[in-house]
Amino acid sequence: MSAKNFDRRGRFRSKTISFRMSPQENEQLNAAVSLSGLTKQDYIIKRLENREVIVMPNPRVYKALKTQLENIYNELIYIKSIDPNSELAESINLIAKILYGMKGSENIISE
């Protein structure tokens, strides 16, 4: 028999919980987990116990944040192409500047 695996607090986690999600819910959960910097298990447990999820900055969280901002930026560009005279255009340009200024980012600004 294999040795028992304990978590960081010395707890033996012997129960397995599983549930079904839609693809959209799964995508939303994965985005929240990647932005938190926690494992999926730790994130779900904290949320179920109504405990605060404290994000500890690290390169993985930075990359997840950058990816999410790029996705939002692309959606905003689409909206801007539908209504180019909206007040949203200024926000889109600000987000583009922020994304462009992030470390390691390529020039993603497209007019």
PDB file of N, CA and C in Angstrom:
ATOM      1  N   MET A   1       0.838  -1.171   0.000  1.00  0.00           N
ATOM      2  CA  MET A   1       0.000   0.000   0.000  1.00  0.00           C
ATOM      3  C   MET A   1       0.888   1.241   0.000  1.00  0.00           C
ATOM      4  N   SER A   2       0.493   2.256  -0.761  1.00  0.00           N
ATOM      5  CA  SER A   2       1.317   3.464  -0.862  1.00  0.00           C
ATOM      6  C   SER A   2       1.169   4.327   0.387  1.00  0.00           C
ATOM      7  N   ALA A   3       2.143   5.202   0.551  1.00  0.00           N
ATOM      8  CA  ALA A   3       2.136   6.097   1.717  1.00  0.00           C
ATOM      9  C   ALA A   3       1.045   7.144   1.567  1.00  0.00           C
ATOM     10  N   LYS A   4       0.490   7.584   2.688  1.00  0.00           N
ATOM     11  CA  LYS A   4      -0.542   8.603   2.661  1.00  0.00           C
ATOM     12  C   LYS A   4       0.068   9.946   2.279  1.00  0.00           C
ATOM     13  N   ASN A   5      -0.650  10.690   1.455  1.00  0.00           N
ATOM     14  CA  ASN A   5      -0.219  12.028   1.062  1.00  0.00           C
ATOM     15  C   ASN A   5      -0.956  13.058   1.897  1.00  0.00           C
ATOM     16  N   PHE A   6      -0.200  13.891   2.575  1.00  0.00           N
ATOM     17  CA  PHE A   6      -0.774  14.932   3.410  1.00  0.00           C
ATOM     18  C   PHE A   6      -0.570  16.281   2.731  1.00  0.00           C
ATOM     19  N   ASP A   7      -1.496  17.211   2.960  1.00  0.00           N
ATOM     20  CA  ASP A   7      -1.320  18.552   2.408  1.00  0.00           C
ATOM     21  C   ASP A   7      -0.357  19.346   3.294  1.00  0.00           C
ATOM     22  N   ARG A   8      -0.199  20.638   2.992  1.00  0.00           N
ATOM     23  CA  ARG A   8       0.757  21.469   3.724  1.00  0.00           C
ATOM     24  C   ARG A   8       0.419  21.626   5.196  1.00  0.00           C
ATOM     25  N   ARG A   9      -0.836  21.439   5.537  1.00  0.00           N
ATOM     26  CA  ARG A   9      -1.241  21.585   6.934  1.00  0.00           C
ATOM     27  C   ARG A   9      -1.362  20.245   7.641  1.00  0.00           C
ATOM     28  N   GLY A  10      -0.863  19.200   7.022  1.00  0.00           N
ATOM     29  CA  GLY A  10      -0.859  17.888   7.651  1.00  0.00           C
ATOM     30  C   GLY A  10      -2.184  17.149   7.582  1.00  0.00           C
ATOM     31  N   ARG A  11      -3.098  17.610   6.720  1.00  0.00           N
ATOM     32  CA  ARG A  11      -4.385  16.946   6.601  1.00  0.00           C
ATOM     33  C   ARG A  11      -4.293  15.850   5.550  1.00  0.00           C
ATOM     34  N   PHE A  12      -4.908  14.736   5.834  1.00  0.00           N
ATOM     35  CA  PHE A  12      -4.980  13.642   4.872  1.00  0.00           C
ATOM     36  C   PHE A  12      -6.288  13.794   4.103  1.00  0.00           C
ATOM     37  N   ARG A  13      -6.179  14.007   2.829  1.00  0.00           N
ATOM     38  CA  ARG A  13      -7.366  14.207   2.000  1.00  0.00           C
ATOM     39  C   ARG A  13      -7.687  12.908   1.271  1.00  0.00           C
ATOM     40  N   SER A  14      -8.640  12.188   1.801  1.00  0.00           N
ATOM     41  CA  SER A  14      -8.965  10.877   1.246  1.00  0.00           C
ATOM     42  C   SER A  14     -10.268  10.868   0.452  1.00  0.00           C
ATOM     43  N   LYS A  15     -10.997  11.965   0.432  1.00  0.00           N
ATOM     44  CA  LYS A  15     -12.283  12.018  -0.257  1.00  0.00           C
ATOM     45  C   LYS A  15     -12.134  12.670  -1.618  1.00  0.00           C
ATOM     46  N   THR A  16     -12.781  12.082  -2.616  1.00  0.00           N
ATOM     47  CA  THR A  16     -12.777  12.630  -3.967  1.00  0.00           C
ATOM     48  C   THR A  16     -14.166  13.160  -4.280  1.00  0.00           C
ATOM     49  N   ILE A  17     -14.222  14.388  -4.755  1.00  0.00           N
ATOM     50  CA  ILE A  17     -15.481  15.026  -5.121  1.00  0.00           C
ATOM     51  C   ILE A  17     -15.403  15.349  -6.609  1.00  0.00           C
ATOM     52  N   SER A  18     -16.474  15.050  -7.334  1.00  0.00           N
ATOM     53  CA  SER A  18     -16.495  15.407  -8.758  1.00  0.00           C
ATOM     54  C   SER A  18     -17.879  15.926  -9.110  1.00  0.00           C
ATOM     55  N   PHE A  19     -17.942  16.742 -10.146  1.00  0.00           N
ATOM     56  CA  PHE A  19     -19.213  17.289 -10.602  1.00  0.00           C
ATOM     57  C   PHE A  19     -19.078  17.664 -12.066  1.00  0.00           C
ATOM     58  N   ARG A  20     -20.211  17.878 -12.699  1.00  0.00           N
ATOM     59  CA  ARG A  20     -20.236  18.216 -14.121  1.00  0.00           C
ATOM     60  C   ARG A  20     -20.404  19.721 -14.296  1.00  0.00           C
ATOM     61  N   MET A  21     -19.803  20.214 -15.382  1.00  0.00           N
ATOM     62  CA  MET A  21     -19.906  21.630 -15.722  1.00  0.00           C
ATOM     63  C   MET A  21     -20.096  21.755 -17.222  1.00  0.00           C
ATOM     64  N   SER A  22     -20.712  22.848 -17.638  1.00  0.00           N
ATOM     65  CA  SER A  22     -20.806  23.126 -19.067  1.00  0.00           C
ATOM     66  C   SER A  22     -19.435  23.610 -19.545  1.00  0.00           C
ATOM     67  N   PRO A  23     -19.171  23.578 -20.837  1.00  0.00           N
ATOM     68  CA  PRO A  23     -17.883  24.096 -21.334  1.00  0.00           C
ATOM     69  C   PRO A  23     -17.658  25.559 -20.949  1.00  0.00           C
ATOM     70  N   GLN A  24     -18.721  26.368 -20.935  1.00  0.00           N
ATOM     71  CA  GLN A  24     -18.581  27.779 -20.569  1.00  0.00           C
ATOM     72  C   GLN A  24     -18.233  27.927 -19.089  1.00  0.00           C
ATOM     73  N   GLU A  25     -18.881  27.134 -18.247  1.00  0.00           N
ATOM     74  CA  GLU A  25     -18.569  27.179 -16.817  1.00  0.00           C
ATOM     75  C   GLU A  25     -17.139  26.716 -16.555  1.00  0.00           C
ATOM     76  N   ASN A  26     -16.722  25.690 -17.279  1.00  0.00           N
ATOM     77  CA  ASN A  26     -15.359  25.189 -17.131  1.00  0.00           C
ATOM     78  C   ASN A  26     -14.344  26.253 -17.546  1.00  0.00           C
ATOM     79  N   GLU A  27     -14.630  26.936 -18.636  1.00  0.00           N
ATOM     80  CA  GLU A  27     -13.737  28.001 -19.105  1.00  0.00           C
ATOM     81  C   GLU A  27     -13.651  29.122 -18.069  1.00  0.00           C
ATOM     82  N   GLN A  28     -14.792  29.476 -17.490  1.00  0.00           N
ATOM     83  CA  GLN A  28     -14.821  30.527 -16.474  1.00  0.00           C
ATOM     84  C   GLN A  28     -14.051  30.098 -15.219  1.00  0.00           C
ATOM     85  N   LEU A  29     -14.230  28.853 -14.807  1.00  0.00           N
ATOM     86  CA  LEU A  29     -13.503  28.341 -13.646  1.00  0.00           C
ATOM     87  C   LEU A  29     -12.003  28.329 -13.909  1.00  0.00           C
ATOM     88  N   ASN A  30     -11.601  27.850 -15.073  1.00  0.00           N
ATOM     89  CA  ASN A  30     -10.176  27.799 -15.406  1.00  0.00           C
ATOM     90  C   ASN A  30      -9.556  29.186 -15.435  1.00  0.00           C
ATOM     91  N   ALA A  31     -10.299  30.174 -15.931  1.00  0.00           N
ATOM     92  CA  ALA A  31      -9.790  31.550 -15.949  1.00  0.00           C
ATOM     93  C   ALA A  31      -9.604  32.070 -14.529  1.00  0.00           C
ATOM     94  N   ALA A  32     -10.585  31.818 -13.668  1.00  0.00           N
ATOM     95  CA  ALA A  32     -10.489  32.281 -12.283  1.00  0.00           C
ATOM     96  C   ALA A  32      -9.337  31.600 -11.560  1.00  0.00           C
ATOM     97  N   VAL A  33      -9.156  30.311 -11.802  1.00  0.00           N
ATOM     98  CA  VAL A  33      -8.067  29.564 -11.164  1.00  0.00           C
ATOM     99  C   VAL A  33      -6.717  30.096 -11.633  1.00  0.00           C
ATOM    100  N   SER A  34      -6.572  30.311 -12.933  1.00  0.00           N
ATOM    101  CA  SER A  34      -5.275  30.776 -13.439  1.00  0.00           C
ATOM    102  C   SER A  34      -4.958  32.176 -12.939  1.00  0.00           C
ATOM    103  N   LEU A  35      -5.972  33.017 -12.787  1.00  0.00           N
ATOM    104  CA  LEU A  35      -5.737  34.367 -12.271  1.00  0.00           C
ATOM    105  C   LEU A  35      -5.442  34.373 -10.775  1.00  0.00           C
ATOM    106  N   SER A  36      -5.877  33.341 -10.063  1.00  0.00           N
ATOM    107  CA  SER A  36      -5.638  33.293  -8.616  1.00  0.00           C
ATOM    108  C   SER A  36      -4.235  32.813  -8.274  1.00  0.00           C
ATOM    109  N   GLY A  37      -3.644  32.001  -9.144  1.00  0.00           N
ATOM    110  CA  GLY A  37      -2.329  31.440  -8.848  1.00  0.00           C
ATOM    111  C   GLY A  37      -2.398  30.201  -7.969  1.00  0.00           C
ATOM    112  N   LEU A  38      -3.592  29.772  -7.617  1.00  0.00           N
ATOM    113  CA  LEU A  38      -3.766  28.583  -6.791  1.00  0.00           C
ATOM    114  C   LEU A  38      -3.986  27.361  -7.674  1.00  0.00           C
ATOM    115  N   THR A  39      -3.924  26.188  -7.055  1.00  0.00           N
ATOM    116  CA  THR A  39      -4.325  24.994  -7.787  1.00  0.00           C
ATOM    117  C   THR A  39      -5.846  25.004  -7.865  1.00  0.00           C
ATOM    118  N   LYS A  40      -6.390  24.249  -8.797  1.00  0.00           N
ATOM    119  CA  LYS A  40      -7.843  24.201  -8.943  1.00  0.00           C
ATOM    120  C   LYS A  40      -8.484  23.693  -7.658  1.00  0.00           C
ATOM    121  N   GLN A  41      -7.883  22.683  -7.058  1.00  0.00           N
ATOM    122  CA  GLN A  41      -8.413  22.125  -5.813  1.00  0.00           C
ATOM    123  C   GLN A  41      -8.441  23.189  -4.716  1.00  0.00           C
ATOM    124  N   ASP A  42      -7.334  23.883  -4.515  1.00  0.00           N
ATOM    125  CA  ASP A  42      -7.270  24.902  -3.462  1.00  0.00           C
ATOM    126  C   ASP A  42      -8.253  26.040  -3.730  1.00  0.00           C
ATOM    127  N   TYR A  43      -8.380  26.439  -5.000  1.00  0.00           N
ATOM    128  CA  TYR A  43      -9.301  27.516  -5.352  1.00  0.00           C
ATOM    129  C   TYR A  43     -10.742  27.117  -5.031  1.00  0.00           C
ATOM    130  N   ILE A  44     -11.148  25.927  -5.453  1.00  0.00           N
ATOM    131  CA  ILE A  44     -12.523  25.478  -5.221  1.00  0.00           C
ATOM    132  C   ILE A  44     -12.806  25.350  -3.730  1.00  0.00           C
ATOM    133  N   ILE A  45     -11.870  24.805  -2.973  1.00  0.00           N
ATOM    134  CA  ILE A  45     -12.073  24.659  -1.529  1.00  0.00           C
ATOM    135  C   ILE A  45     -12.225  26.027  -0.868  1.00  0.00           C
ATOM    136  N   LYS A  46     -11.372  26.984  -1.228  1.00  0.00           N
ATOM    137  CA  LYS A  46     -11.481  28.325  -0.639  1.00  0.00           C
ATOM    138  C   LYS A  46     -12.823  28.967  -0.965  1.00  0.00           C
ATOM    139  N   ARG A  47     -13.263  28.827  -2.216  1.00  0.00           N
ATOM    140  CA  ARG A  47     -14.536  29.415  -2.616  1.00  0.00           C
ATOM    141  C   ARG A  47     -15.714  28.734  -1.915  1.00  0.00           C
ATOM    142  N   LEU A  48     -15.655  27.415  -1.773  1.00  0.00           N
ATOM    143  CA  LEU A  48     -16.737  26.699  -1.096  1.00  0.00           C
ATOM    144  C   LEU A  48     -16.834  27.067   0.381  1.00  0.00           C
ATOM    145  N   GLU A  49     -15.707  27.349   0.983  1.00  0.00           N
ATOM    146  CA  GLU A  49     -15.682  27.720   2.397  1.00  0.00           C
ATOM    147  C   GLU A  49     -15.850  29.223   2.607  1.00  0.00           C
ATOM    148  N   ASN A  50     -16.144  29.962   1.516  1.00  0.00           N
ATOM    149  CA  ASN A  50     -16.315  31.418   1.568  1.00  0.00           C
ATOM    150  C   ASN A  50     -15.107  32.124   2.158  1.00  0.00           C
ATOM    151  N   ARG A  51     -13.940  31.561   1.922  1.00  0.00           N
ATOM    152  CA  ARG A  51     -12.712  32.216   2.367  1.00  0.00           C
ATOM    153  C   ARG A  51     -12.199  33.100   1.249  1.00  0.00           C
ATOM    154  N   GLU A  52     -11.471  34.126   1.626  1.00  0.00           N
ATOM    155  CA  GLU A  52     -10.924  35.065   0.660  1.00  0.00           C
ATOM    156  C   GLU A  52      -9.811  34.405  -0.146  1.00  0.00           C
ATOM    157  N   VAL A  53      -9.842  34.631  -1.454  1.00  0.00           N
ATOM    158  CA  VAL A  53      -8.784  34.142  -2.336  1.00  0.00           C
ATOM    159  C   VAL A  53      -7.790  35.275  -2.506  1.00  0.00           C
ATOM    160  N   ILE A  54      -6.610  35.102  -1.928  1.00  0.00           N
ATOM    161  CA  ILE A  54      -5.562  36.121  -1.998  1.00  0.00           C
ATOM    162  C   ILE A  54      -4.611  35.748  -3.124  1.00  0.00           C
ATOM    163  N   VAL A  55      -4.479  36.649  -4.083  1.00  0.00           N
ATOM    164  CA  VAL A  55      -3.622  36.401  -5.236  1.00  0.00           C
ATOM    165  C   VAL A  55      -2.195  36.787  -4.892  1.00  0.00           C
ATOM    166  N   MET A  56      -1.304  35.819  -5.001  1.00  0.00           N
ATOM    167  CA  MET A  56       0.115  36.072  -4.786  1.00  0.00           C
ATOM    168  C   MET A  56       0.759  36.236  -6.159  1.00  0.00           C
ATOM    169  N   PRO A  57       1.286  37.426  -6.449  1.00  0.00           N
ATOM    170  CA  PRO A  57       1.835  37.652  -7.789  1.00  0.00           C
ATOM    171  C   PRO A  57       3.021  36.735  -8.080  1.00  0.00           C
ATOM    172  N   ASN A  58       2.988  36.166  -9.262  1.00  0.00           N
ATOM    173  CA  ASN A  58       4.087  35.345  -9.754  1.00  0.00           C
ATOM    174  C   ASN A  58       3.988  35.332 -11.273  1.00  0.00           C
ATOM    175  N   PRO A  59       4.977  34.815 -11.974  1.00  0.00           N
ATOM    176  CA  PRO A  59       4.946  34.845 -13.443  1.00  0.00           C
ATOM    177  C   PRO A  59       3.721  34.145 -14.052  1.00  0.00           C
ATOM    178  N   ARG A  60       3.254  33.092 -13.419  1.00  0.00           N
ATOM    179  CA  ARG A  60       2.093  32.375 -13.945  1.00  0.00           C
ATOM    180  C   ARG A  60       0.834  33.238 -13.860  1.00  0.00           C
ATOM    181  N   VAL A  61       0.665  33.961 -12.758  1.00  0.00           N
ATOM    182  CA  VAL A  61      -0.481  34.852 -12.590  1.00  0.00           C
ATOM    183  C   VAL A  61      -0.378  36.010 -13.578  1.00  0.00           C
ATOM    184  N   TYR A  62       0.819  36.537 -13.746  1.00  0.00           N
ATOM    185  CA  TYR A  62       1.049  37.624 -14.693  1.00  0.00           C
ATOM    186  C   TYR A  62       0.643  37.196 -16.102  1.00  0.00           C
ATOM    187  N   LYS A  63       1.058  36.004 -16.505  1.00  0.00           N
ATOM    188  CA  LYS A  63       0.735  35.523 -17.845  1.00  0.00           C
ATOM    189  C   LYS A  63      -0.771  35.320 -18.007  1.00  0.00           C
ATOM    190  N   ALA A  64      -1.428  34.792 -16.979  1.00  0.00           N
ATOM    191  CA  ALA A  64      -2.878  34.593 -17.043  1.00  0.00           C
ATOM    192  C   ALA A  64      -3.604  35.929 -17.142  1.00  0.00           C
ATOM    193  N   LEU A  65      -3.140  36.914 -16.383  1.00  0.00           N
ATOM    194  CA  LEU A  65      -3.730  38.241 -16.438  1.00  0.00           C
ATOM    195  C   LEU A  65      -3.561  38.853 -17.825  1.00  0.00           C
ATOM    196  N   LYS A  66      -2.375  38.712 -18.378  1.00  0.00           N
ATOM    197  CA  LYS A  66      -2.098  39.241 -19.707  1.00  0.00           C
ATOM    198  C   LYS A  66      -2.997  38.577 -20.750  1.00  0.00           C
ATOM    199  N   THR A  67      -3.172  37.269 -20.657  1.00  0.00           N
ATOM    200  CA  THR A  67      -4.019  36.545 -21.599  1.00  0.00           C
ATOM    201  C   THR A  67      -5.469  37.007 -21.495  1.00  0.00           C
ATOM    202  N   GLN A  68      -5.954  37.171 -20.272  1.00  0.00           N
ATOM    203  CA  GLN A  68      -7.335  37.624 -20.084  1.00  0.00           C
ATOM    204  C   GLN A  68      -7.518  39.045 -20.625  1.00  0.00           C
ATOM    205  N   LEU A  69      -6.537  39.911 -20.383  1.00  0.00           N
ATOM    206  CA  LEU A  69      -6.626  41.276 -20.913  1.00  0.00           C
ATOM    207  C   LEU A  69      -6.602  41.284 -22.434  1.00  0.00           C
ATOM    208  N   GLU A  70      -5.819  40.416 -23.041  1.00  0.00           N
ATOM    209  CA  GLU A  70      -5.786  40.332 -24.502  1.00  0.00           C
ATOM    210  C   GLU A  70      -7.137  39.869 -25.046  1.00  0.00           C
ATOM    211  N   ASN A  71      -7.783  38.913 -24.367  1.00  0.00           N
ATOM    212  CA  ASN A  71      -9.103  38.457 -24.796  1.00  0.00           C
ATOM    213  C   ASN A  71     -10.130  39.585 -24.708  1.00  0.00           C
ATOM    214  N   ILE A  72     -10.084  40.340 -23.616  1.00  0.00           N
ATOM    215  CA  ILE A  72     -10.994  41.476 -23.452  1.00  0.00           C
ATOM    216  C   ILE A  72     -10.712  42.524 -24.518  1.00  0.00           C
ATOM    217  N   TYR A  73      -9.447  42.773 -24.756  1.00  0.00           N
ATOM    218  CA  TYR A  73      -9.049  43.749 -25.767  1.00  0.00           C
ATOM    219  C   TYR A  73      -9.595  43.358 -27.137  1.00  0.00           C
ATOM    220  N   ASN A  74      -9.475  42.089 -27.494  1.00  0.00           N
ATOM    221  CA  ASN A  74      -9.977  41.634 -28.791  1.00  0.00           C
ATOM    222  C   ASN A  74     -11.492  41.796 -28.898  1.00  0.00           C
ATOM    223  N   GLU A  75     -12.212  41.542 -27.814  1.00  0.00           N
ATOM    224  CA  GLU A  75     -13.667  41.754 -27.804  1.00  0.00           C
ATOM    225  C   GLU A  75     -13.981  43.238 -27.974  1.00  0.00           C
ATOM    226  N   LEU A  76     -13.220  44.089 -27.305  1.00  0.00           N
ATOM    227  CA  LEU A  76     -13.453  45.530 -27.411  1.00  0.00           C
ATOM    228  C   LEU A  76     -13.152  46.038 -28.824  1.00  0.00           C
ATOM    229  N   ILE A  77     -12.135  45.496 -29.451  1.00  0.00           N
ATOM    230  CA  ILE A  77     -11.830  45.882 -30.829  1.00  0.00           C
ATOM    231  C   ILE A  77     -13.001  45.526 -31.734  1.00  0.00           C
ATOM    232  N   TYR A  78     -13.597  44.366 -31.499  1.00  0.00           N
ATOM    233  CA  TYR A  78     -14.767  43.962 -32.284  1.00  0.00           C
ATOM    234  C   TYR A  78     -15.918  44.946 -32.072  1.00  0.00           C
ATOM    235  N   ILE A  79     -16.152  45.330 -30.826  1.00  0.00           N
ATOM    236  CA  ILE A  79     -17.221  46.286 -30.527  1.00  0.00           C
ATOM    237  C   ILE A  79     -16.914  47.626 -31.177  1.00  0.00           C
ATOM    238  N   LYS A  80     -15.655  48.023 -31.125  1.00  0.00           N
ATOM    239  CA  LYS A  80     -15.248  49.301 -31.726  1.00  0.00           C
ATOM    240  C   LYS A  80     -15.498  49.295 -33.226  1.00  0.00           C
ATOM    241  N   SER A  81     -15.302  48.157 -33.882  1.00  0.00           N
ATOM    242  CA  SER A  81     -15.525  48.088 -35.325  1.00  0.00           C
ATOM    243  C   SER A  81     -17.010  48.234 -35.658  1.00  0.00           C
ATOM    244  N   ILE A  82     -17.891  47.878 -34.724  1.00  0.00           N
ATOM    245  CA  ILE A  82     -19.328  48.028 -34.945  1.00  0.00           C
ATOM    246  C   ILE A  82     -19.750  49.480 -34.725  1.00  0.00           C
ATOM    247  N   ASP A  83     -19.242  50.106 -33.672  1.00  0.00           N
ATOM    248  CA  ASP A  83     -19.588  51.487 -33.334  1.00  0.00           C
ATOM    249  C   ASP A  83     -18.317  52.263 -33.003  1.00  0.00           C
ATOM    250  N   PRO A  84     -17.602  52.746 -34.034  1.00  0.00           N
ATOM    251  CA  PRO A  84     -16.304  53.395 -33.792  1.00  0.00           C
ATOM    252  C   PRO A  84     -16.377  54.732 -33.067  1.00  0.00           C
ATOM    253  N   ASN A  85     -17.549  55.351 -32.963  1.00  0.00           N
ATOM    254  CA  ASN A  85     -17.670  56.660 -32.326  1.00  0.00           C
ATOM    255  C   ASN A  85     -18.115  56.583 -30.869  1.00  0.00           C
ATOM    256  N   SER A  86     -18.093  55.411 -30.294  1.00  0.00           N
ATOM    257  CA  SER A  86     -18.550  55.263 -28.911  1.00  0.00           C
ATOM    258  C   SER A  86     -17.481  55.756 -27.932  1.00  0.00           C
ATOM    259  N   GLU A  87     -17.926  56.007 -26.694  1.00  0.00           N
ATOM    260  CA  GLU A  87     -16.991  56.394 -25.637  1.00  0.00           C
ATOM    261  C   GLU A  87     -16.059  55.238 -25.300  1.00  0.00           C
ATOM    262  N   LEU A  88     -16.480  54.049 -25.661  1.00  0.00           N
ATOM    263  CA  LEU A  88     -15.685  52.859 -25.395  1.00  0.00           C
ATOM    264  C   LEU A  88     -14.362  52.878 -26.158  1.00  0.00           C
ATOM    265  N   ALA A  89     -14.300  53.613 -27.266  1.00  0.00           N
ATOM    266  CA  ALA A  89     -13.084  53.672 -28.074  1.00  0.00           C
ATOM    267  C   ALA A  89     -11.893  54.178 -27.257  1.00  0.00           C
ATOM    268  N   GLU A  90     -12.129  55.149 -26.379  1.00  0.00           N
ATOM    269  CA  GLU A  90     -11.041  55.665 -25.537  1.00  0.00           C
ATOM    270  C   GLU A  90     -10.550  54.593 -24.569  1.00  0.00           C
ATOM    271  N   SER A  91     -11.483  53.840 -24.002  1.00  0.00           N
ATOM    272  CA  SER A  91     -11.105  52.755 -23.095  1.00  0.00           C
ATOM    273  C   SER A  91     -10.318  51.686 -23.830  1.00  0.00           C
ATOM    274  N   ILE A  92     -10.719  51.405 -25.050  1.00  0.00           N
ATOM    275  CA  ILE A  92     -10.007  50.405 -25.851  1.00  0.00           C
ATOM    276  C   ILE A  92      -8.575  50.859 -26.097  1.00  0.00           C
ATOM    277  N   ASN A  93      -8.407  52.121 -26.438  1.00  0.00           N
ATOM    278  CA  ASN A  93      -7.052  52.639 -26.676  1.00  0.00           C
ATOM    279  C   ASN A  93      -6.214  52.602 -25.407  1.00  0.00           C
ATOM    280  N   LEU A  94      -6.805  52.883 -24.247  1.00  0.00           N
ATOM    281  CA  LEU A  94      -6.080  52.812 -22.979  1.00  0.00           C
ATOM    282  C   LEU A  94      -5.643  51.380 -22.690  1.00  0.00           C
ATOM    283  N   ILE A  95      -6.541  50.431 -22.886  1.00  0.00           N
ATOM    284  CA  ILE A  95      -6.191  49.024 -22.666  1.00  0.00           C
ATOM    285  C   ILE A  95      -5.077  48.606 -23.617  1.00  0.00           C
ATOM    286  N   ALA A  96      -5.130  49.072 -24.854  1.00  0.00           N
ATOM    287  CA  ALA A  96      -4.085  48.743 -25.822  1.00  0.00           C
ATOM    288  C   ALA A  96      -2.733  49.265 -25.352  1.00  0.00           C
ATOM    289  N   LYS A  97      -2.705  50.475 -24.813  1.00  0.00           N
ATOM    290  CA  LYS A  97      -1.449  51.039 -24.321  1.00  0.00           C
ATOM    291  C   LYS A  97      -0.914  50.233 -23.142  1.00  0.00           C
ATOM    292  N   ILE A  98      -1.823  49.827 -22.247  1.00  0.00           N
ATOM    293  CA  ILE A  98      -1.409  49.041 -21.083  1.00  0.00           C
ATOM    294  C   ILE A  98      -0.857  47.694 -21.531  1.00  0.00           C
ATOM    295  N   LEU A  99      -1.579  47.031 -22.426  1.00  0.00           N
ATOM    296  CA  LEU A  99      -1.113  45.735 -22.918  1.00  0.00           C
ATOM    297  C   LEU A  99       0.221  45.865 -23.637  1.00  0.00           C
ATOM    298  N   TYR A 100       0.354  46.911 -24.440  1.00  0.00           N
ATOM    299  CA  TYR A 100       1.593  47.116 -25.174  1.00  0.00           C
ATOM    300  C   TYR A 100       2.755  47.377 -24.228  1.00  0.00           C
ATOM    301  N   GLY A 101       2.463  48.035 -23.105  1.00  0.00           N
ATOM    302  CA  GLY A 101       3.512  48.367 -22.146  1.00  0.00           C
ATOM    303  C   GLY A 101       3.909  47.228 -21.225  1.00  0.00           C
ATOM    304  N   MET A 102       3.125  46.153 -21.216  1.00  0.00           N
ATOM    305  CA  MET A 102       3.445  45.033 -20.323  1.00  0.00           C
ATOM    306  C   MET A 102       4.712  44.324 -20.806  1.00  0.00           C
ATOM    307  N   LYS A 103       5.509  43.906 -19.869  1.00  0.00           N
ATOM    308  CA  LYS A 103       6.778  43.248 -20.154  1.00  0.00           C
ATOM    309  C   LYS A 103       6.591  42.038 -21.057  1.00  0.00           C
ATOM    310  N   GLY A 104       7.404  41.948 -22.101  1.00  0.00           N
ATOM    311  CA  GLY A 104       7.385  40.789 -22.978  1.00  0.00           C
ATOM    312  C   GLY A 104       6.263  40.803 -23.998  1.00  0.00           C
ATOM    313  N   SER A 105       5.515  41.875 -24.059  1.00  0.00           N
ATOM    314  CA  SER A 105       4.376  41.952 -24.967  1.00  0.00           C
ATOM    315  C   SER A 105       4.839  42.402 -26.349  1.00  0.00           C
ATOM    316  N   GLU A 106       4.243  41.811 -27.356  1.00  0.00           N
ATOM    317  CA  GLU A 106       4.517  42.234 -28.727  1.00  0.00           C
ATOM    318  C   GLU A 106       3.574  43.374 -29.061  1.00  0.00           C
ATOM    319  N   ASN A 107       3.817  44.042 -30.156  1.00  0.00           N
ATOM    320  CA  ASN A 107       2.953  45.137 -30.560  1.00  0.00           C
ATOM    321  C   ASN A 107       1.623  44.561 -31.038  1.00  0.00           C
ATOM    322  N   ILE A 108       0.604  44.695 -30.208  1.00  0.00           N
ATOM    323  CA  ILE A 108      -0.694  44.116 -30.555  1.00  0.00           C
ATOM    324  C   ILE A 108      -1.677  45.178 -30.998  1.00  0.00           C
ATOM    325  N   ILE A 109      -1.256  46.422 -30.999  1.00  0.00           N
ATOM    326  CA  ILE A 109      -2.173  47.495 -31.358  1.00  0.00           C
ATOM    327  C   ILE A 109      -2.442  47.429 -32.852  1.00  0.00           C
ATOM    328  N   SER A 110      -3.716  47.282 -33.193  1.00  0.00           N
ATOM    329  CA  SER A 110      -4.114  47.257 -34.598  1.00  0.00           C
ATOM    330  C   SER A 110      -5.226  48.264 -34.804  1.00  0.00           C
ATOM    331  N   GLU A 111      -5.066  49.094 -35.758  1.00  0.00           N
ATOM    332  CA  GLU A 111      -6.063  50.152 -36.040  1.00  0.00           C
ATOM    333  C   GLU A 111      -6.945  49.710 -37.166  1.00  0.00           C
TER     334      GLU A 111
END
